[in-house]
Amino acid sequence: MNIGDLVDRSAISLRVSAANKRQALAVISEIAARNFGLDVGEVLDALTERELAGSTGVGHGVAAPHARIEGLQRMRTVFVRLEHPVEFDAVDDQPVDLLFALFAPKDAGAEHLRALARVSRLLRQASVRERLRQARTADAIHAILVQESEAARPSAA
């Protein structure tokens, strides 16, 4: 599974304004609802419930909110870059400006966790984070995510 395959250009949003973590999650929920035919309230509730179990702020200005969603047929993602970082209770106590949200079907198994691990590994790379922060368009973000996730793929021997 390639992270680039999960990323829809239409679910990438740059220059997003949010005053706090809740507003950032609300923006992600709206994008997911609009692009994937979901109920915005259900998506926000699922993300909020997951955050109550522990912050998805993974450090270095990155968060990977995720949830299992009833009615979703396959894994989907939303990428948001905030104009100004917000407090997110991240593991390093740094505010977050890059959010890569992962949504899985309610009955998704380990594939959901493997995708989350790949996203986390990808966004731990300082060069990737910097390129995502400098990109000017959704197409550029998409290209970075596809290129980096393909480069991280183990080659067949």
N, C-alpha and C. Protein backbone atom coordinates (compact mmCIF):
# COMPACT_ATOMS: atom_id res chain seq x y z
N MET A 1 0.84 -1.19 0.00
CA MET A 1 0.00 0.00 0.00
C MET A 1 0.88 1.24 0.00
N ASN A 2 0.58 2.16 -0.89
CA ASN A 2 1.33 3.38 -1.07
C ASN A 2 0.50 4.55 -0.54
N ILE A 3 1.08 5.32 0.35
CA ILE A 3 0.37 6.48 0.92
C ILE A 3 -0.08 7.41 -0.21
N GLY A 4 0.73 7.56 -1.22
CA GLY A 4 0.36 8.42 -2.35
C GLY A 4 -0.94 8.01 -3.01
N ASP A 5 -1.25 6.71 -2.97
CA ASP A 5 -2.50 6.22 -3.56
C ASP A 5 -3.73 6.64 -2.75
N LEU A 6 -3.53 6.99 -1.50
CA LEU A 6 -4.66 7.36 -0.63
C LEU A 6 -4.97 8.85 -0.68
N VAL A 7 -4.07 9.63 -1.24
CA VAL A 7 -4.18 11.09 -1.20
C VAL A 7 -4.93 11.61 -2.42
N ASP A 8 -6.05 12.26 -2.18
CA ASP A 8 -6.81 12.93 -3.24
C ASP A 8 -6.41 14.40 -3.29
N ARG A 9 -6.09 14.90 -4.48
CA ARG A 9 -5.74 16.33 -4.59
C ARG A 9 -6.85 17.23 -4.01
N SER A 10 -8.09 16.81 -4.21
CA SER A 10 -9.22 17.63 -3.74
C SER A 10 -9.32 17.67 -2.21
N ALA A 11 -8.60 16.78 -1.52
CA ALA A 11 -8.64 16.74 -0.07
C ALA A 11 -7.35 17.31 0.54
N ILE A 12 -6.67 18.13 -0.24
CA ILE A 12 -5.47 18.84 0.23
C ILE A 12 -5.83 20.31 0.32
N SER A 13 -5.58 20.90 1.46
CA SER A 13 -5.92 22.31 1.64
C SER A 13 -4.75 23.05 2.30
N LEU A 14 -4.34 24.13 1.66
CA LEU A 14 -3.22 24.95 2.14
C LEU A 14 -3.74 26.29 2.63
N ARG A 15 -2.95 26.95 3.44
CA ARG A 15 -3.29 28.28 3.96
C ARG A 15 -4.60 28.27 4.74
N VAL A 16 -4.76 27.25 5.57
CA VAL A 16 -5.97 27.11 6.37
C VAL A 16 -5.82 27.89 7.68
N SER A 17 -6.87 28.60 8.05
CA SER A 17 -6.87 29.32 9.32
C SER A 17 -7.62 28.52 10.37
N ALA A 18 -6.99 28.37 11.52
CA ALA A 18 -7.62 27.72 12.66
C ALA A 18 -6.99 28.32 13.91
N ALA A 19 -7.82 28.64 14.88
CA ALA A 19 -7.32 29.28 16.10
C ALA A 19 -6.85 28.26 17.14
N ASN A 20 -7.32 27.00 16.98
CA ASN A 20 -6.99 25.98 17.97
C ASN A 20 -7.16 24.59 17.38
N LYS A 21 -6.85 23.60 18.20
CA LYS A 21 -6.93 22.20 17.77
C LYS A 21 -8.35 21.83 17.31
N ARG A 22 -9.34 22.23 18.06
CA ARG A 22 -10.73 21.90 17.71
C ARG A 22 -11.10 22.45 16.34
N GLN A 23 -10.72 23.70 16.07
CA GLN A 23 -11.02 24.29 14.76
C GLN A 23 -10.27 23.58 13.64
N ALA A 24 -9.04 23.17 13.90
CA ALA A 24 -8.27 22.43 12.90
C ALA A 24 -8.96 21.10 12.58
N LEU A 25 -9.42 20.41 13.61
CA LEU A 25 -10.14 19.14 13.40
C LEU A 25 -11.47 19.38 12.67
N ALA A 26 -12.11 20.51 12.95
CA ALA A 26 -13.37 20.84 12.27
C ALA A 26 -13.13 21.07 10.78
N VAL A 27 -12.03 21.74 10.43
CA VAL A 27 -11.70 21.97 9.03
C VAL A 27 -11.45 20.63 8.33
N ILE A 28 -10.69 19.76 8.97
CA ILE A 28 -10.42 18.43 8.41
C ILE A 28 -11.74 17.69 8.20
N SER A 29 -12.62 17.78 9.17
CA SER A 29 -13.92 17.09 9.09
C SER A 29 -14.74 17.61 7.92
N GLU A 30 -14.74 18.92 7.71
CA GLU A 30 -15.48 19.51 6.59
C GLU A 30 -14.92 19.04 5.25
N ILE A 31 -13.59 19.01 5.14
CA ILE A 31 -12.96 18.56 3.89
C ILE A 31 -13.29 17.10 3.64
N ALA A 32 -13.21 16.27 4.68
CA ALA A 32 -13.52 14.84 4.54
C ALA A 32 -14.97 14.63 4.16
N ALA A 33 -15.86 15.35 4.81
CA ALA A 33 -17.29 15.21 4.52
C ALA A 33 -17.59 15.58 3.07
N ARG A 34 -17.04 16.69 2.64
CA ARG A 34 -17.28 17.18 1.27
C ARG A 34 -16.71 16.24 0.22
N ASN A 35 -15.52 15.72 0.45
CA ASN A 35 -14.83 14.90 -0.56
C ASN A 35 -15.21 13.44 -0.54
N PHE A 36 -15.62 12.92 0.61
CA PHE A 36 -15.86 11.49 0.73
C PHE A 36 -17.31 11.13 1.00
N GLY A 37 -18.20 12.14 0.94
CA GLY A 37 -19.63 11.90 1.13
C GLY A 37 -19.99 11.46 2.55
N LEU A 38 -19.34 12.06 3.53
CA LEU A 38 -19.57 11.69 4.93
C LEU A 38 -20.32 12.80 5.66
N ASP A 39 -20.81 12.49 6.83
CA ASP A 39 -21.47 13.47 7.68
C ASP A 39 -20.40 14.20 8.49
N VAL A 40 -20.35 15.53 8.37
CA VAL A 40 -19.30 16.31 9.02
C VAL A 40 -19.31 16.12 10.53
N GLY A 41 -20.49 16.05 11.13
CA GLY A 41 -20.59 15.87 12.58
C GLY A 41 -20.04 14.53 13.04
N GLU A 42 -20.32 13.48 12.27
CA GLU A 42 -19.81 12.15 12.62
C GLU A 42 -18.29 12.11 12.51
N VAL A 43 -17.75 12.75 11.48
CA VAL A 43 -16.30 12.77 11.30
C VAL A 43 -15.65 13.54 12.46
N LEU A 44 -16.19 14.72 12.77
CA LEU A 44 -15.63 15.51 13.87
C LEU A 44 -15.73 14.75 15.20
N ASP A 45 -16.86 14.12 15.44
CA ASP A 45 -17.01 13.33 16.68
C ASP A 45 -15.97 12.22 16.75
N ALA A 46 -15.74 11.53 15.64
CA ALA A 46 -14.78 10.42 15.62
C ALA A 46 -13.35 10.94 15.86
N LEU A 47 -13.00 12.05 15.23
CA LEU A 47 -11.66 12.62 15.44
C LEU A 47 -11.49 13.11 16.87
N THR A 48 -12.52 13.77 17.39
CA THR A 48 -12.46 14.30 18.76
C THR A 48 -12.35 13.16 19.77
N GLU A 49 -13.12 12.11 19.56
CA GLU A 49 -13.06 10.96 20.45
C GLU A 49 -11.66 10.34 20.44
N ARG A 50 -11.07 10.24 19.27
CA ARG A 50 -9.71 9.68 19.18
C ARG A 50 -8.70 10.57 19.90
N GLU A 51 -8.85 11.89 19.78
CA GLU A 51 -7.93 12.81 20.46
C GLU A 51 -8.05 12.71 21.98
N LEU A 52 -9.24 12.40 22.47
CA LEU A 52 -9.43 12.24 23.92
C LEU A 52 -8.62 11.05 24.45
N ALA A 53 -8.38 10.06 23.60
CA ALA A 53 -7.60 8.89 24.01
C ALA A 53 -6.11 9.21 24.06
N GLY A 54 -5.70 10.29 23.43
CA GLY A 54 -4.31 10.70 23.39
C GLY A 54 -4.07 11.52 22.14
N SER A 55 -3.26 12.55 22.28
CA SER A 55 -3.01 13.45 21.15
C SER A 55 -2.35 12.72 20.00
N THR A 56 -2.73 13.11 18.79
CA THR A 56 -2.12 12.56 17.58
C THR A 56 -1.02 13.49 17.07
N GLY A 57 -0.62 14.46 17.89
CA GLY A 57 0.50 15.32 17.55
C GLY A 57 1.79 14.52 17.70
N VAL A 58 2.44 14.22 16.58
CA VAL A 58 3.59 13.31 16.60
C VAL A 58 4.93 14.03 16.73
N GLY A 59 4.93 15.35 16.73
CA GLY A 59 6.16 16.10 16.90
C GLY A 59 6.58 16.82 15.64
N HIS A 60 7.49 17.79 15.81
CA HIS A 60 8.05 18.57 14.69
C HIS A 60 6.98 19.32 13.92
N GLY A 61 5.90 19.73 14.59
CA GLY A 61 4.85 20.50 13.92
C GLY A 61 3.87 19.66 13.13
N VAL A 62 3.86 18.34 13.38
CA VAL A 62 3.03 17.42 12.61
C VAL A 62 2.01 16.73 13.50
N ALA A 63 0.80 16.56 12.98
CA ALA A 63 -0.22 15.75 13.64
C ALA A 63 -0.79 14.78 12.62
N ALA A 64 -1.17 13.59 13.10
CA ALA A 64 -1.76 12.57 12.24
C ALA A 64 -3.08 12.11 12.84
N PRO A 65 -4.08 13.01 12.88
CA PRO A 65 -5.38 12.60 13.40
C PRO A 65 -5.95 11.46 12.56
N HIS A 66 -6.65 10.56 13.19
CA HIS A 66 -7.20 9.43 12.45
C HIS A 66 -8.45 8.90 13.15
N ALA A 67 -9.27 8.24 12.34
CA ALA A 67 -10.53 7.69 12.88
C ALA A 67 -11.05 6.63 11.93
N ARG A 68 -11.83 5.74 12.51
CA ARG A 68 -12.58 4.76 11.71
C ARG A 68 -13.98 5.35 11.53
N ILE A 69 -14.45 5.31 10.29
CA ILE A 69 -15.71 5.98 9.95
C ILE A 69 -16.69 5.00 9.32
N GLU A 70 -17.88 4.94 9.88
CA GLU A 70 -18.96 4.11 9.32
C GLU A 70 -19.31 4.62 7.94
N GLY A 71 -19.47 3.70 6.99
CA GLY A 71 -19.89 4.07 5.64
C GLY A 71 -18.74 4.34 4.68
N LEU A 72 -17.53 4.44 5.18
CA LEU A 72 -16.38 4.64 4.31
C LEU A 72 -16.02 3.30 3.68
N GLN A 73 -15.77 3.30 2.38
CA GLN A 73 -15.51 2.04 1.67
C GLN A 73 -14.03 1.66 1.62
N ARG A 74 -13.16 2.68 1.72
CA ARG A 74 -11.71 2.43 1.69
C ARG A 74 -11.00 3.52 2.47
N MET A 75 -9.73 3.32 2.72
CA MET A 75 -8.97 4.35 3.45
C MET A 75 -8.86 5.61 2.60
N ARG A 76 -8.96 6.74 3.28
CA ARG A 76 -8.87 8.05 2.62
C ARG A 76 -8.05 8.98 3.50
N THR A 77 -7.53 10.04 2.92
CA THR A 77 -6.75 11.00 3.68
C THR A 77 -7.16 12.43 3.38
N VAL A 78 -6.84 13.29 4.33
CA VAL A 78 -6.97 14.74 4.17
C VAL A 78 -5.65 15.33 4.63
N PHE A 79 -5.10 16.24 3.84
CA PHE A 79 -3.88 16.94 4.24
C PHE A 79 -4.22 18.42 4.37
N VAL A 80 -3.83 19.00 5.51
CA VAL A 80 -4.08 20.42 5.77
C VAL A 80 -2.78 21.06 6.25
N ARG A 81 -2.48 22.23 5.67
CA ARG A 81 -1.36 23.04 6.18
C ARG A 81 -1.95 24.33 6.73
N LEU A 82 -1.71 24.55 8.01
CA LEU A 82 -2.25 25.73 8.67
C LEU A 82 -1.37 26.96 8.40
N GLU A 83 -2.01 28.11 8.32
CA GLU A 83 -1.27 29.37 8.16
C GLU A 83 -0.43 29.65 9.39
N HIS A 84 -1.00 29.37 10.55
CA HIS A 84 -0.31 29.59 11.82
C HIS A 84 -0.45 28.34 12.67
N PRO A 85 0.65 27.83 13.21
CA PRO A 85 0.59 26.61 14.03
C PRO A 85 -0.33 26.79 15.24
N VAL A 86 -0.95 25.68 15.65
CA VAL A 86 -1.82 25.69 16.84
C VAL A 86 -1.32 24.66 17.85
N GLU A 87 -1.61 24.92 19.11
CA GLU A 87 -1.28 23.96 20.16
C GLU A 87 -2.07 22.68 19.90
N PHE A 88 -1.40 21.54 20.05
CA PHE A 88 -2.04 20.28 19.72
C PHE A 88 -1.73 19.19 20.75
N ASP A 89 -1.13 19.59 21.87
CA ASP A 89 -0.70 18.62 22.89
C ASP A 89 0.22 17.57 22.28
N ALA A 90 1.10 18.00 21.39
CA ALA A 90 2.00 17.08 20.71
C ALA A 90 3.04 16.52 21.68
N VAL A 91 3.63 15.39 21.29
CA VAL A 91 4.59 14.72 22.16
C VAL A 91 5.79 15.60 22.50
N ASP A 92 6.15 16.53 21.62
CA ASP A 92 7.28 17.42 21.88
C ASP A 92 6.84 18.81 22.34
N ASP A 93 5.54 18.97 22.62
CA ASP A 93 4.96 20.24 23.08
C ASP A 93 5.09 21.37 22.07
N GLN A 94 5.37 21.05 20.82
CA GLN A 94 5.47 22.07 19.78
C GLN A 94 4.11 22.22 19.07
N PRO A 95 3.76 23.44 18.67
CA PRO A 95 2.50 23.62 17.93
C PRO A 95 2.58 22.94 16.56
N VAL A 96 1.41 22.69 15.99
CA VAL A 96 1.28 21.90 14.76
C VAL A 96 0.81 22.79 13.61
N ASP A 97 1.42 22.59 12.44
CA ASP A 97 0.95 23.28 11.23
C ASP A 97 0.70 22.32 10.08
N LEU A 98 1.21 21.09 10.17
CA LEU A 98 0.97 20.08 9.13
C LEU A 98 0.10 18.98 9.71
N LEU A 99 -1.07 18.76 9.11
CA LEU A 99 -1.98 17.72 9.59
C LEU A 99 -2.29 16.76 8.46
N PHE A 100 -1.98 15.50 8.68
CA PHE A 100 -2.24 14.45 7.71
C PHE A 100 -3.24 13.51 8.36
N ALA A 101 -4.50 13.66 8.01
CA ALA A 101 -5.57 12.87 8.63
C ALA A 101 -5.84 11.62 7.83
N LEU A 102 -6.00 10.51 8.54
CA LEU A 102 -6.26 9.23 7.91
C LEU A 102 -7.61 8.70 8.39
N PHE A 103 -8.45 8.32 7.42
CA PHE A 103 -9.77 7.78 7.73
C PHE A 103 -9.86 6.37 7.18
N ALA A 104 -10.34 5.46 7.99
CA ALA A 104 -10.46 4.05 7.58
C ALA A 104 -11.89 3.60 7.77
N PRO A 105 -12.30 2.59 7.00
CA PRO A 105 -13.62 2.00 7.23
C PRO A 105 -13.71 1.46 8.66
N LYS A 106 -14.92 1.42 9.16
CA LYS A 106 -15.15 0.96 10.54
C LYS A 106 -14.55 -0.42 10.79
N ASP A 107 -14.61 -1.30 9.79
CA ASP A 107 -14.13 -2.67 9.98
C ASP A 107 -12.70 -2.88 9.48
N ALA A 108 -11.96 -1.81 9.24
CA ALA A 108 -10.58 -1.94 8.76
C ALA A 108 -9.73 -2.65 9.81
N GLY A 109 -8.87 -3.49 9.34
CA GLY A 109 -8.00 -4.23 10.26
C GLY A 109 -6.65 -3.56 10.39
N ALA A 110 -5.62 -4.36 10.35
CA ALA A 110 -4.26 -3.89 10.55
C ALA A 110 -3.78 -2.95 9.45
N GLU A 111 -4.43 -2.97 8.29
CA GLU A 111 -4.04 -2.10 7.18
C GLU A 111 -4.07 -0.63 7.63
N HIS A 112 -5.05 -0.28 8.43
CA HIS A 112 -5.19 1.07 8.96
C HIS A 112 -3.96 1.45 9.78
N LEU A 113 -3.51 0.53 10.63
CA LEU A 113 -2.35 0.80 11.48
C LEU A 113 -1.07 0.86 10.67
N ARG A 114 -0.95 0.03 9.65
CA ARG A 114 0.23 0.07 8.78
C ARG A 114 0.28 1.41 8.03
N ALA A 115 -0.85 1.89 7.56
CA ALA A 115 -0.89 3.18 6.86
C ALA A 115 -0.49 4.30 7.81
N LEU A 116 -0.98 4.26 9.02
CA LEU A 116 -0.65 5.27 10.02
C LEU A 116 0.85 5.27 10.31
N ALA A 117 1.43 4.08 10.42
CA ALA A 117 2.87 3.97 10.66
C ALA A 117 3.67 4.55 9.49
N ARG A 118 3.22 4.30 8.27
CA ARG A 118 3.91 4.84 7.09
C ARG A 118 3.84 6.36 7.05
N VAL A 119 2.66 6.90 7.35
CA VAL A 119 2.50 8.35 7.39
C VAL A 119 3.46 8.94 8.42
N SER A 120 3.50 8.33 9.59
CA SER A 120 4.36 8.81 10.67
C SER A 120 5.83 8.78 10.24
N ARG A 121 6.27 7.67 9.64
CA ARG A 121 7.66 7.56 9.19
C ARG A 121 7.97 8.62 8.13
N LEU A 122 7.06 8.81 7.21
CA LEU A 122 7.26 9.77 6.14
C LEU A 122 7.43 11.19 6.70
N LEU A 123 6.55 11.55 7.63
CA LEU A 123 6.56 12.91 8.16
C LEU A 123 7.62 13.14 9.23
N ARG A 124 8.33 12.10 9.63
CA ARG A 124 9.46 12.27 10.55
C ARG A 124 10.68 12.82 9.82
N GLN A 125 10.67 12.76 8.50
CA GLN A 125 11.81 13.23 7.72
C GLN A 125 11.76 14.76 7.60
N ALA A 126 12.80 15.40 8.13
CA ALA A 126 12.86 16.87 8.11
C ALA A 126 12.75 17.42 6.71
N SER A 127 13.38 16.77 5.73
CA SER A 127 13.35 17.28 4.36
C SER A 127 11.94 17.24 3.78
N VAL A 128 11.17 16.20 4.11
CA VAL A 128 9.79 16.09 3.64
C VAL A 128 8.94 17.19 4.27
N ARG A 129 9.08 17.36 5.58
CA ARG A 129 8.30 18.41 6.26
C ARG A 129 8.60 19.78 5.66
N GLU A 130 9.86 20.05 5.40
CA GLU A 130 10.24 21.35 4.84
C GLU A 130 9.64 21.54 3.45
N ARG A 131 9.69 20.51 2.62
CA ARG A 131 9.12 20.60 1.28
C ARG A 131 7.60 20.80 1.35
N LEU A 132 6.93 20.13 2.29
CA LEU A 132 5.49 20.30 2.45
C LEU A 132 5.16 21.73 2.91
N ARG A 133 6.02 22.30 3.71
CA ARG A 133 5.78 23.67 4.18
C ARG A 133 6.04 24.70 3.09
N GLN A 134 6.91 24.39 2.16
CA GLN A 134 7.25 25.33 1.10
C GLN A 134 6.36 25.21 -0.15
N ALA A 135 5.71 24.07 -0.31
CA ALA A 135 4.89 23.84 -1.51
C ALA A 135 3.78 24.89 -1.61
N ARG A 136 3.52 25.33 -2.84
CA ARG A 136 2.55 26.41 -3.06
C ARG A 136 1.17 25.93 -3.51
N THR A 137 1.07 24.69 -3.99
CA THR A 137 -0.20 24.21 -4.51
C THR A 137 -0.52 22.81 -4.00
N ALA A 138 -1.80 22.45 -4.10
CA ALA A 138 -2.22 21.10 -3.74
C ALA A 138 -1.53 20.07 -4.64
N ASP A 139 -1.35 20.41 -5.92
CA ASP A 139 -0.65 19.50 -6.83
C ASP A 139 0.78 19.25 -6.37
N ALA A 140 1.44 20.30 -5.89
CA ALA A 140 2.82 20.14 -5.41
C ALA A 140 2.86 19.27 -4.16
N ILE A 141 1.92 19.47 -3.25
CA ILE A 141 1.83 18.63 -2.05
C ILE A 141 1.61 17.18 -2.46
N HIS A 142 0.66 16.96 -3.36
CA HIS A 142 0.35 15.61 -3.83
C HIS A 142 1.60 14.96 -4.42
N ALA A 143 2.32 15.70 -5.25
CA ALA A 143 3.52 15.16 -5.89
C ALA A 143 4.57 14.78 -4.84
N ILE A 144 4.75 15.59 -3.83
CA ILE A 144 5.72 15.29 -2.76
C ILE A 144 5.33 14.01 -2.05
N LEU A 145 4.05 13.89 -1.67
CA LEU A 145 3.60 12.71 -0.94
C LEU A 145 3.71 11.44 -1.78
N VAL A 146 3.36 11.53 -3.07
CA VAL A 146 3.47 10.36 -3.95
C VAL A 146 4.94 9.99 -4.14
N GLN A 147 5.76 10.98 -4.44
CA GLN A 147 7.18 10.73 -4.69
C GLN A 147 7.85 10.13 -3.46
N GLU A 148 7.63 10.71 -2.30
CA GLU A 148 8.28 10.24 -1.09
C GLU A 148 7.78 8.87 -0.66
N SER A 149 6.48 8.62 -0.81
CA SER A 149 5.98 7.31 -0.41
C SER A 149 6.45 6.22 -1.37
N GLU A 150 6.63 6.56 -2.64
CA GLU A 150 7.17 5.58 -3.59
C GLU A 150 8.66 5.33 -3.32
N ALA A 151 9.38 6.37 -2.95
CA ALA A 151 10.81 6.22 -2.64
C ALA A 151 11.01 5.36 -1.40
N ALA A 152 10.05 5.41 -0.48
CA ALA A 152 10.16 4.64 0.75
C ALA A 152 9.75 3.19 0.59
N ARG A 153 9.16 2.86 -0.54
CA ARG A 153 8.74 1.48 -0.80
C ARG A 153 9.93 0.54 -0.87
N PRO A 154 9.83 -0.62 -0.24
CA PRO A 154 10.92 -1.59 -0.40
C PRO A 154 10.92 -2.12 -1.84
N SER A 155 12.08 -2.24 -2.41
CA SER A 155 12.15 -2.73 -3.79
C SER A 155 12.08 -4.26 -3.81
N ALA A 156 11.50 -4.76 -4.86
CA ALA A 156 11.36 -6.21 -5.01
C ALA A 156 12.71 -6.78 -5.48
N ALA A 157 13.13 -7.84 -4.85
CA ALA A 157 14.42 -8.43 -5.21
C ALA A 157 14.24 -9.56 -6.20
